[in-house]
């Protein structure tokens, strides 16, 4: 069975490579926008599921790994900063 990582994250790819298993890495085409009043946990779970479902459409009969992470400070969900300097400014 083919193993598919439904993520474009270099960090997640590196984590999976440590297992020494062959896998395919795909970037799922989903809208990663937050839904109104969605908390950080629910958002991360929803996005991980959506990524896995999108990859499963292209790779049927495969084992799909979907994941997402969200950074929050209390109820404030912080977006991906894009750079170290932007993260410090946030």
PDB file of N, CA and C in Angstrom:
ATOM      1  N   UNK A   1       0.848  -1.176   0.000  1.00  0.00           N
ATOM      2  CA  UNK A   1       0.000   0.000   0.000  1.00  0.00           C
ATOM      3  C   UNK A   1       0.893   1.237   0.000  1.00  0.00           C
ATOM      4  N   UNK A   2       0.525   2.219  -0.810  1.00  0.00           N
ATOM      5  CA  UNK A   2       1.292   3.448  -0.921  1.00  0.00           C
ATOM      6  C   UNK A   2       1.002   4.363   0.270  1.00  0.00           C
ATOM      7  N   UNK A   3       2.052   4.978   0.812  1.00  0.00           N
ATOM      8  CA  UNK A   3       1.939   5.931   1.906  1.00  0.00           C
ATOM      9  C   UNK A   3       2.026   7.338   1.314  1.00  0.00           C
ATOM     10  N   UNK A   4       1.061   8.211   1.667  1.00  0.00           N
ATOM     11  CA  UNK A   4       1.007   9.557   1.115  1.00  0.00           C
ATOM     12  C   UNK A   4       0.940  10.571   2.255  1.00  0.00           C
ATOM     13  N   UNK A   5       1.856  11.531   2.218  1.00  0.00           N
ATOM     14  CA  UNK A   5       1.835  12.641   3.157  1.00  0.00           C
ATOM     15  C   UNK A   5       1.109  13.800   2.492  1.00  0.00           C
ATOM     16  N   UNK A   6      -0.029  14.185   3.037  1.00  0.00           N
ATOM     17  CA  UNK A   6      -0.845  15.262   2.471  1.00  0.00           C
ATOM     18  C   UNK A   6      -0.427  16.586   3.098  1.00  0.00           C
ATOM     19  N   UNK A   7       0.778  17.030   2.750  1.00  0.00           N
ATOM     20  CA  UNK A   7       1.325  18.254   3.316  1.00  0.00           C
ATOM     21  C   UNK A   7       2.495  18.718   2.472  1.00  0.00           C
ATOM     22  N   UNK A   8       2.688  20.029   2.427  1.00  0.00           N
ATOM     23  CA  UNK A   8       3.860  20.567   1.736  1.00  0.00           C
ATOM     24  C   UNK A   8       4.918  21.010   2.742  1.00  0.00           C
ATOM     25  N   UNK A   9       4.725  20.667   4.004  1.00  0.00           N
ATOM     26  CA  UNK A   9       5.647  21.065   5.064  1.00  0.00           C
ATOM     27  C   UNK A   9       6.965  20.289   4.973  1.00  0.00           C
ATOM     28  N   UNK A  10       8.056  21.020   4.840  1.00  0.00           N
ATOM     29  CA  UNK A  10       9.384  20.392   4.805  1.00  0.00           C
ATOM     30  C   UNK A  10       9.671  19.703   6.134  1.00  0.00           C
ATOM     31  N   UNK A  11       9.185  20.266   7.230  1.00  0.00           N
ATOM     32  CA  UNK A  11       9.387  19.680   8.554  1.00  0.00           C
ATOM     33  C   UNK A  11       8.688  18.319   8.666  1.00  0.00           C
ATOM     34  N   UNK A  12       7.446  18.240   8.220  1.00  0.00           N
ATOM     35  CA  UNK A  12       6.721  16.965   8.289  1.00  0.00           C
ATOM     36  C   UNK A  12       7.351  15.932   7.363  1.00  0.00           C
ATOM     37  N   UNK A  13       7.802  16.381   6.204  1.00  0.00           N
ATOM     38  CA  UNK A  13       8.471  15.472   5.269  1.00  0.00           C
ATOM     39  C   UNK A  13       9.726  14.897   5.910  1.00  0.00           C
ATOM     40  N   UNK A  14      10.495  15.736   6.564  1.00  0.00           N
ATOM     41  CA  UNK A  14      11.725  15.282   7.222  1.00  0.00           C
ATOM     42  C   UNK A  14      11.409  14.292   8.349  1.00  0.00           C
ATOM     43  N   UNK A  15      10.351  14.570   9.100  1.00  0.00           N
ATOM     44  CA  UNK A  15       9.939  13.653  10.166  1.00  0.00           C
ATOM     45  C   UNK A  15       9.632  12.271   9.604  1.00  0.00           C
ATOM     46  N   UNK A  16       8.888  12.226   8.524  1.00  0.00           N
ATOM     47  CA  UNK A  16       8.499  10.948   7.930  1.00  0.00           C
ATOM     48  C   UNK A  16       9.701  10.231   7.317  1.00  0.00           C
ATOM     49  N   UNK A  17      10.624  10.991   6.759  1.00  0.00           N
ATOM     50  CA  UNK A  17      11.824  10.387   6.172  1.00  0.00           C
ATOM     51  C   UNK A  17      12.654   9.633   7.212  1.00  0.00           C
ATOM     52  N   UNK A  18      12.587  10.052   8.478  1.00  0.00           N
ATOM     53  CA  UNK A  18      13.358   9.373   9.521  1.00  0.00           C
ATOM     54  C   UNK A  18      12.911   7.926   9.732  1.00  0.00           C
ATOM     55  N   UNK A  19      11.702   7.614   9.292  1.00  0.00           N
ATOM     56  CA  UNK A  19      11.211   6.240   9.425  1.00  0.00           C
ATOM     57  C   UNK A  19      11.809   5.316   8.367  1.00  0.00           C
ATOM     58  N   UNK A  20      12.335   5.899   7.307  1.00  0.00           N
ATOM     59  CA  UNK A  20      12.928   5.097   6.248  1.00  0.00           C
ATOM     60  C   UNK A  20      11.927   4.380   5.365  1.00  0.00           C
ATOM     61  N   UNK A  21      10.685   4.812   5.407  1.00  0.00           N
ATOM     62  CA  UNK A  21       9.645   4.200   4.581  1.00  0.00           C
ATOM     63  C   UNK A  21       9.456   5.015   3.307  1.00  0.00           C
ATOM     64  N   UNK A  22       9.196   4.354   2.189  1.00  0.00           N
ATOM     65  CA  UNK A  22       8.916   5.118   0.968  1.00  0.00           C
ATOM     66  C   UNK A  22       7.538   5.783   1.065  1.00  0.00           C
ATOM     67  N   UNK A  23       7.466   7.029   0.618  1.00  0.00           N
ATOM     68  CA  UNK A  23       6.187   7.733   0.636  1.00  0.00           C
ATOM     69  C   UNK A  23       6.179   8.793  -0.452  1.00  0.00           C
ATOM     70  N   UNK A  24       4.978   9.246  -0.758  1.00  0.00           N
ATOM     71  CA  UNK A  24       4.773  10.331  -1.708  1.00  0.00           C
ATOM     72  C   UNK A  24       4.295  11.538  -0.927  1.00  0.00           C
ATOM     73  N   UNK A  25       4.811  12.700  -1.279  1.00  0.00           N
ATOM     74  CA  UNK A  25       4.424  13.940  -0.612  1.00  0.00           C
ATOM     75  C   UNK A  25       3.637  14.792  -1.601  1.00  0.00           C
ATOM     76  N   UNK A  26       2.417  15.179  -1.230  1.00  0.00           N
ATOM     77  CA  UNK A  26       1.585  16.006  -2.105  1.00  0.00           C
ATOM     78  C   UNK A  26       1.058  17.221  -1.341  1.00  0.00           C
ATOM     79  N   UNK A  27       0.919  18.315  -2.073  1.00  0.00           N
ATOM     80  CA  UNK A  27       0.337  19.520  -1.482  1.00  0.00           C
ATOM     81  C   UNK A  27      -1.151  19.535  -1.806  1.00  0.00           C
ATOM     82  N   UNK A  28      -1.999  19.344  -0.807  1.00  0.00           N
ATOM     83  CA  UNK A  28      -3.438  19.353  -1.070  1.00  0.00           C
ATOM     84  C   UNK A  28      -3.913  20.766  -1.399  1.00  0.00           C
ATOM     85  N   UNK A  29      -4.821  20.861  -2.346  1.00  0.00           N
ATOM     86  CA  UNK A  29      -5.363  22.137  -2.763  1.00  0.00           C
ATOM     87  C   UNK A  29      -6.654  22.392  -1.998  1.00  0.00           C
ATOM     88  N   UNK A  30      -6.516  22.999  -0.812  1.00  0.00           N
ATOM     89  CA  UNK A  30      -7.689  23.298   0.008  1.00  0.00           C
ATOM     90  C   UNK A  30      -7.632  24.755   0.462  1.00  0.00           C
ATOM     91  N   UNK A  31      -8.765  25.272   0.868  1.00  0.00           N
ATOM     92  CA  UNK A  31      -8.841  26.613   1.441  1.00  0.00           C
ATOM     93  C   UNK A  31      -8.518  26.484   2.931  1.00  0.00           C
ATOM     94  N   UNK A  32      -7.445  27.129   3.367  1.00  0.00           N
ATOM     95  CA  UNK A  32      -7.030  27.018   4.762  1.00  0.00           C
ATOM     96  C   UNK A  32      -7.527  28.173   5.619  1.00  0.00           C
ATOM     97  N   UNK A  33      -8.555  28.857   5.158  1.00  0.00           N
ATOM     98  CA  UNK A  33      -9.119  29.977   5.908  1.00  0.00           C
ATOM     99  C   UNK A  33      -9.841  29.482   7.157  1.00  0.00           C
ATOM    100  N   UNK A  34      -9.812  30.321   8.170  1.00  0.00           N
ATOM    101  CA  UNK A  34     -10.512  30.018   9.411  1.00  0.00           C
ATOM    102  C   UNK A  34     -12.007  30.239   9.230  1.00  0.00           C
ATOM    103  N   UNK A  35     -12.802  29.363   9.807  1.00  0.00           N
ATOM    104  CA  UNK A  35     -14.257  29.518   9.824  1.00  0.00           C
ATOM    105  C   UNK A  35     -14.601  30.408  11.014  1.00  0.00           C
ATOM    106  N   UNK A  36     -15.618  31.265  10.879  1.00  0.00           N
ATOM    107  CA  UNK A  36     -16.008  32.184  11.959  1.00  0.00           C
ATOM    108  C   UNK A  36     -16.103  31.482  13.303  1.00  0.00           C
ATOM    109  N   UNK A  37     -15.481  32.062  14.317  1.00  0.00           N
ATOM    110  CA  UNK A  37     -15.515  31.588  15.706  1.00  0.00           C
ATOM    111  C   UNK A  37     -14.888  30.215  15.913  1.00  0.00           C
ATOM    112  N   UNK A  38     -14.124  29.727  14.961  1.00  0.00           N
ATOM    113  CA  UNK A  38     -13.464  28.423  15.090  1.00  0.00           C
ATOM    114  C   UNK A  38     -12.239  28.582  15.995  1.00  0.00           C
ATOM    115  N   UNK A  39     -12.112  27.693  16.990  1.00  0.00           N
ATOM    116  CA  UNK A  39     -10.932  27.779  17.841  1.00  0.00           C
ATOM    117  C   UNK A  39      -9.744  27.080  17.173  1.00  0.00           C
ATOM    118  N   UNK A  40      -8.560  27.289  17.713  1.00  0.00           N
ATOM    119  CA  UNK A  40      -7.327  26.785  17.097  1.00  0.00           C
ATOM    120  C   UNK A  40      -7.330  25.265  16.958  1.00  0.00           C
ATOM    121  N   UNK A  41      -7.757  24.559  17.983  1.00  0.00           N
ATOM    122  CA  UNK A  41      -7.773  23.095  17.945  1.00  0.00           C
ATOM    123  C   UNK A  41      -8.698  22.585  16.844  1.00  0.00           C
ATOM    124  N   UNK A  42      -9.925  23.101  16.826  1.00  0.00           N
ATOM    125  CA  UNK A  42     -10.895  22.651  15.826  1.00  0.00           C
ATOM    126  C   UNK A  42     -10.434  22.979  14.409  1.00  0.00           C
ATOM    127  N   UNK A  43      -9.789  24.126  14.254  1.00  0.00           N
ATOM    128  CA  UNK A  43      -9.285  24.518  12.937  1.00  0.00           C
ATOM    129  C   UNK A  43      -8.202  23.556  12.461  1.00  0.00           C
ATOM    130  N   UNK A  44      -7.264  23.226  13.336  1.00  0.00           N
ATOM    131  CA  UNK A  44      -6.177  22.314  12.961  1.00  0.00           C
ATOM    132  C   UNK A  44      -6.713  20.929  12.611  1.00  0.00           C
ATOM    133  N   UNK A  45      -7.662  20.433  13.376  1.00  0.00           N
ATOM    134  CA  UNK A  45      -8.249  19.116  13.103  1.00  0.00           C
ATOM    135  C   UNK A  45      -9.002  19.143  11.770  1.00  0.00           C
ATOM    136  N   UNK A  46      -9.795  20.180  11.548  1.00  0.00           N
ATOM    137  CA  UNK A  46     -10.564  20.290  10.304  1.00  0.00           C
ATOM    138  C   UNK A  46      -9.633  20.344   9.094  1.00  0.00           C
ATOM    139  N   UNK A  47      -8.584  21.158   9.172  1.00  0.00           N
ATOM    140  CA  UNK A  47      -7.665  21.283   8.042  1.00  0.00           C
ATOM    141  C   UNK A  47      -6.905  19.987   7.782  1.00  0.00           C
ATOM    142  N   UNK A  48      -6.512  19.286   8.830  1.00  0.00           N
ATOM    143  CA  UNK A  48      -5.831  17.997   8.649  1.00  0.00           C
ATOM    144  C   UNK A  48      -6.748  17.005   7.932  1.00  0.00           C
ATOM    145  N   UNK A  49      -8.020  16.976   8.333  1.00  0.00           N
ATOM    146  CA  UNK A  49      -8.977  16.080   7.690  1.00  0.00           C
ATOM    147  C   UNK A  49      -9.219  16.473   6.236  1.00  0.00           C
ATOM    148  N   UNK A  50      -9.347  17.772   5.969  1.00  0.00           N
ATOM    149  CA  UNK A  50      -9.578  18.228   4.597  1.00  0.00           C
ATOM    150  C   UNK A  50      -8.381  17.905   3.703  1.00  0.00           C
ATOM    151  N   UNK A  51      -7.187  18.062   4.220  1.00  0.00           N
ATOM    152  CA  UNK A  51      -5.981  17.737   3.456  1.00  0.00           C
ATOM    153  C   UNK A  51      -5.948  16.247   3.134  1.00  0.00           C
ATOM    154  N   UNK A  52      -6.265  15.419   4.114  1.00  0.00           N
ATOM    155  CA  UNK A  52      -6.263  13.969   3.898  1.00  0.00           C
ATOM    156  C   UNK A  52      -7.320  13.568   2.874  1.00  0.00           C
ATOM    157  N   UNK A  53      -8.500  14.156   2.966  1.00  0.00           N
ATOM    158  CA  UNK A  53      -9.569  13.833   2.007  1.00  0.00           C
ATOM    159  C   UNK A  53      -9.205  14.270   0.588  1.00  0.00           C
ATOM    160  N   UNK A  54      -8.577  15.435   0.464  1.00  0.00           N
ATOM    161  CA  UNK A  54      -8.169  15.921  -0.863  1.00  0.00           C
ATOM    162  C   UNK A  54      -7.116  14.995  -1.473  1.00  0.00           C
ATOM    163  N   UNK A  55      -6.182  14.539  -0.665  1.00  0.00           N
ATOM    164  CA  UNK A  55      -5.147  13.628  -1.165  1.00  0.00           C
ATOM    165  C   UNK A  55      -5.739  12.268  -1.503  1.00  0.00           C
ATOM    166  N   UNK A  56      -6.708  11.824  -0.716  1.00  0.00           N
ATOM    167  CA  UNK A  56      -7.321  10.517  -0.956  1.00  0.00           C
ATOM    168  C   UNK A  56      -8.049  10.463  -2.292  1.00  0.00           C
ATOM    169  N   UNK A  57      -8.557  11.598  -2.748  1.00  0.00           N
ATOM    170  CA  UNK A  57      -9.220  11.633  -4.060  1.00  0.00           C
ATOM    171  C   UNK A  57      -8.230  11.337  -5.181  1.00  0.00           C
ATOM    172  N   UNK A  58      -6.995  11.776  -5.016  1.00  0.00           N
ATOM    173  CA  UNK A  58      -5.964  11.565  -6.035  1.00  0.00           C
ATOM    174  C   UNK A  58      -5.208  10.256  -5.851  1.00  0.00           C
ATOM    175  N   UNK A  59      -5.235   9.731  -4.632  1.00  0.00           N
ATOM    176  CA  UNK A  59      -4.503   8.508  -4.318  1.00  0.00           C
ATOM    177  C   UNK A  59      -5.421   7.503  -3.615  1.00  0.00           C
ATOM    178  N   UNK A  60      -6.409   6.971  -4.336  1.00  0.00           N
ATOM    179  CA  UNK A  60      -7.306   5.984  -3.715  1.00  0.00           C
ATOM    180  C   UNK A  60      -6.526   4.728  -3.333  1.00  0.00           C
ATOM    181  N   UNK A  61      -7.000   4.030  -2.365  1.00  0.00           N
ATOM    182  CA  UNK A  61      -6.374   2.794  -1.885  1.00  0.00           C
ATOM    183  C   UNK A  61      -4.968   3.023  -1.350  1.00  0.00           C
ATOM    184  N   UNK A  62      -4.727   4.218  -0.815  1.00  0.00           N
ATOM    185  CA  UNK A  62      -3.445   4.544  -0.201  1.00  0.00           C
ATOM    186  C   UNK A  62      -3.666   4.897   1.258  1.00  0.00           C
ATOM    187  N   UNK A  63      -2.599   4.820   2.032  1.00  0.00           N
ATOM    188  CA  UNK A  63      -2.635   5.251   3.424  1.00  0.00           C
ATOM    189  C   UNK A  63      -2.236   6.724   3.437  1.00  0.00           C
ATOM    190  N   UNK A  64      -3.163   7.589   3.854  1.00  0.00           N
ATOM    191  CA  UNK A  64      -2.965   9.035   3.785  1.00  0.00           C
ATOM    192  C   UNK A  64      -2.698   9.591   5.183  1.00  0.00           C
ATOM    193  N   UNK A  65      -1.687  10.439   5.283  1.00  0.00           N
ATOM    194  CA  UNK A  65      -1.414  11.157   6.523  1.00  0.00           C
ATOM    195  C   UNK A  65      -1.699  12.631   6.264  1.00  0.00           C
ATOM    196  N   UNK A  66      -2.689  13.167   6.958  1.00  0.00           N
ATOM    197  CA  UNK A  66      -3.013  14.585   6.871  1.00  0.00           C
ATOM    198  C   UNK A  66      -2.732  15.222   8.219  1.00  0.00           C
ATOM    199  N   UNK A  67      -2.119  16.397   8.199  1.00  0.00           N
ATOM    200  CA  UNK A  67      -1.842  17.075   9.457  1.00  0.00           C
ATOM    201  C   UNK A  67      -1.849  18.579   9.255  1.00  0.00           C
ATOM    202  N   UNK A  68      -2.000  19.295  10.344  1.00  0.00           N
ATOM    203  CA  UNK A  68      -1.937  20.743  10.310  1.00  0.00           C
ATOM    204  C   UNK A  68      -1.567  21.212  11.707  1.00  0.00           C
ATOM    205  N   UNK A  69      -1.019  22.389  11.766  1.00  0.00           N
ATOM    206  CA  UNK A  69      -0.722  22.986  13.066  1.00  0.00           C
ATOM    207  C   UNK A  69      -1.194  24.425  13.049  1.00  0.00           C
ATOM    208  N   UNK A  70      -1.556  24.896  14.212  1.00  0.00           N
ATOM    209  CA  UNK A  70      -2.034  26.258  14.355  1.00  0.00           C
ATOM    210  C   UNK A  70      -1.382  26.855  15.586  1.00  0.00           C
ATOM    211  N   UNK A  71      -0.951  28.083  15.475  1.00  0.00           N
ATOM    212  CA  UNK A  71      -0.357  28.778  16.609  1.00  0.00           C
ATOM    213  C   UNK A  71      -1.394  29.750  17.153  1.00  0.00           C
ATOM    214  N   UNK A  72      -1.593  29.693  18.460  1.00  0.00           N
ATOM    215  CA  UNK A  72      -2.565  30.584  19.078  1.00  0.00           C
ATOM    216  C   UNK A  72      -2.003  31.145  20.374  1.00  0.00           C
ATOM    217  N   UNK A  73      -2.463  32.326  20.695  1.00  0.00           N
ATOM    218  CA  UNK A  73      -2.156  32.960  21.972  1.00  0.00           C
ATOM    219  C   UNK A  73      -3.494  33.232  22.621  1.00  0.00           C
ATOM    220  N   UNK A  74      -3.870  32.366  23.552  1.00  0.00           N
ATOM    221  CA  UNK A  74      -5.219  32.443  24.108  1.00  0.00           C
ATOM    222  C   UNK A  74      -6.210  32.110  23.018  1.00  0.00           C
ATOM    223  N   UNK A  75      -7.152  32.969  22.788  1.00  0.00           N
ATOM    224  CA  UNK A  75      -8.153  32.766  21.739  1.00  0.00           C
ATOM    225  C   UNK A  75      -7.716  33.367  20.404  1.00  0.00           C
ATOM    226  N   UNK A  76      -6.596  34.085  20.394  1.00  0.00           N
ATOM    227  CA  UNK A  76      -6.106  34.719  19.183  1.00  0.00           C
ATOM    228  C   UNK A  76      -5.310  33.715  18.359  1.00  0.00           C
ATOM    229  N   UNK A  77      -5.795  33.409  17.158  1.00  0.00           N
ATOM    230  CA  UNK A  77      -5.096  32.496  16.265  1.00  0.00           C
ATOM    231  C   UNK A  77      -4.137  33.313  15.411  1.00  0.00           C
ATOM    232  N   UNK A  78      -2.862  32.956  15.489  1.00  0.00           N
ATOM    233  CA  UNK A  78      -1.837  33.652  14.727  1.00  0.00           C
ATOM    234  C   UNK A  78      -1.609  32.910  13.428  1.00  0.00           C
ATOM    235  N   UNK A  79      -1.523  33.616  12.342  1.00  0.00           N
ATOM    236  CA  UNK A  79      -1.278  32.993  11.044  1.00  0.00           C
ATOM    237  C   UNK A  79       0.183  32.619  10.883  1.00  0.00           C
ATOM    238  N   UNK A  80       0.498  32.004   9.754  1.00  0.00           N
ATOM    239  CA  UNK A  80       1.875  31.643   9.457  1.00  0.00           C
ATOM    240  C   UNK A  80       2.644  32.929   9.161  1.00  0.00           C
ATOM    241  N   UNK A  81       3.714  33.191   9.891  1.00  0.00           N
ATOM    242  CA  UNK A  81       4.397  34.457   9.737  1.00  0.00           C
ATOM    243  C   UNK A  81       5.177  34.591   8.426  1.00  0.00           C
ATOM    244  N   UNK A  82       5.671  33.490   7.884  1.00  0.00           N
ATOM    245  CA  UNK A  82       6.402  33.536   6.620  1.00  0.00           C
ATOM    246  C   UNK A  82       7.896  33.749   6.768  1.00  0.00           C
ATOM    247  N   UNK A  83       8.318  34.380   7.867  1.00  0.00           N
ATOM    248  CA  UNK A  83       9.742  34.575   8.101  1.00  0.00           C
ATOM    249  C   UNK A  83       9.992  34.761   9.589  1.00  0.00           C
ATOM    250  N   UNK A  84      11.250  34.639   9.983  1.00  0.00           N
ATOM    251  CA  UNK A  84      11.607  34.819  11.395  1.00  0.00           C
ATOM    252  C   UNK A  84      11.286  36.241  11.848  1.00  0.00           C
ATOM    253  N   UNK A  85      11.665  37.234  11.036  1.00  0.00           N
ATOM    254  CA  UNK A  85      11.422  38.621  11.392  1.00  0.00           C
ATOM    255  C   UNK A  85       9.943  38.914  11.549  1.00  0.00           C
ATOM    256  N   UNK A  86       9.116  38.373  10.665  1.00  0.00           N
ATOM    257  CA  UNK A  86       7.674  38.569  10.766  1.00  0.00           C
ATOM    258  C   UNK A  86       7.129  37.913  12.032  1.00  0.00           C
ATOM    259  N   UNK A  87       7.678  36.768  12.410  1.00  0.00           N
ATOM    260  CA  UNK A  87       7.234  36.083  13.636  1.00  0.00           C
ATOM    261  C   UNK A  87       7.562  36.917  14.867  1.00  0.00           C
ATOM    262  N   UNK A  88       8.738  37.515  14.896  1.00  0.00           N
ATOM    263  CA  UNK A  88       9.134  38.355  16.018  1.00  0.00           C
ATOM    264  C   UNK A  88       8.230  39.581  16.098  1.00  0.00           C
ATOM    265  N   UNK A  89       7.897  40.169  14.964  1.00  0.00           N
ATOM    266  CA  UNK A  89       7.032  41.335  14.935  1.00  0.00           C
ATOM    267  C   UNK A  89       5.624  41.032  15.421  1.00  0.00           C
ATOM    268  N   UNK A  90       5.166  39.795  15.206  1.00  0.00           N
ATOM    269  CA  UNK A  90       3.818  39.424  15.606  1.00  0.00           C
ATOM    270  C   UNK A  90       3.724  39.361  17.096  1.00  0.00           C
TER     271      UNK A  90
END
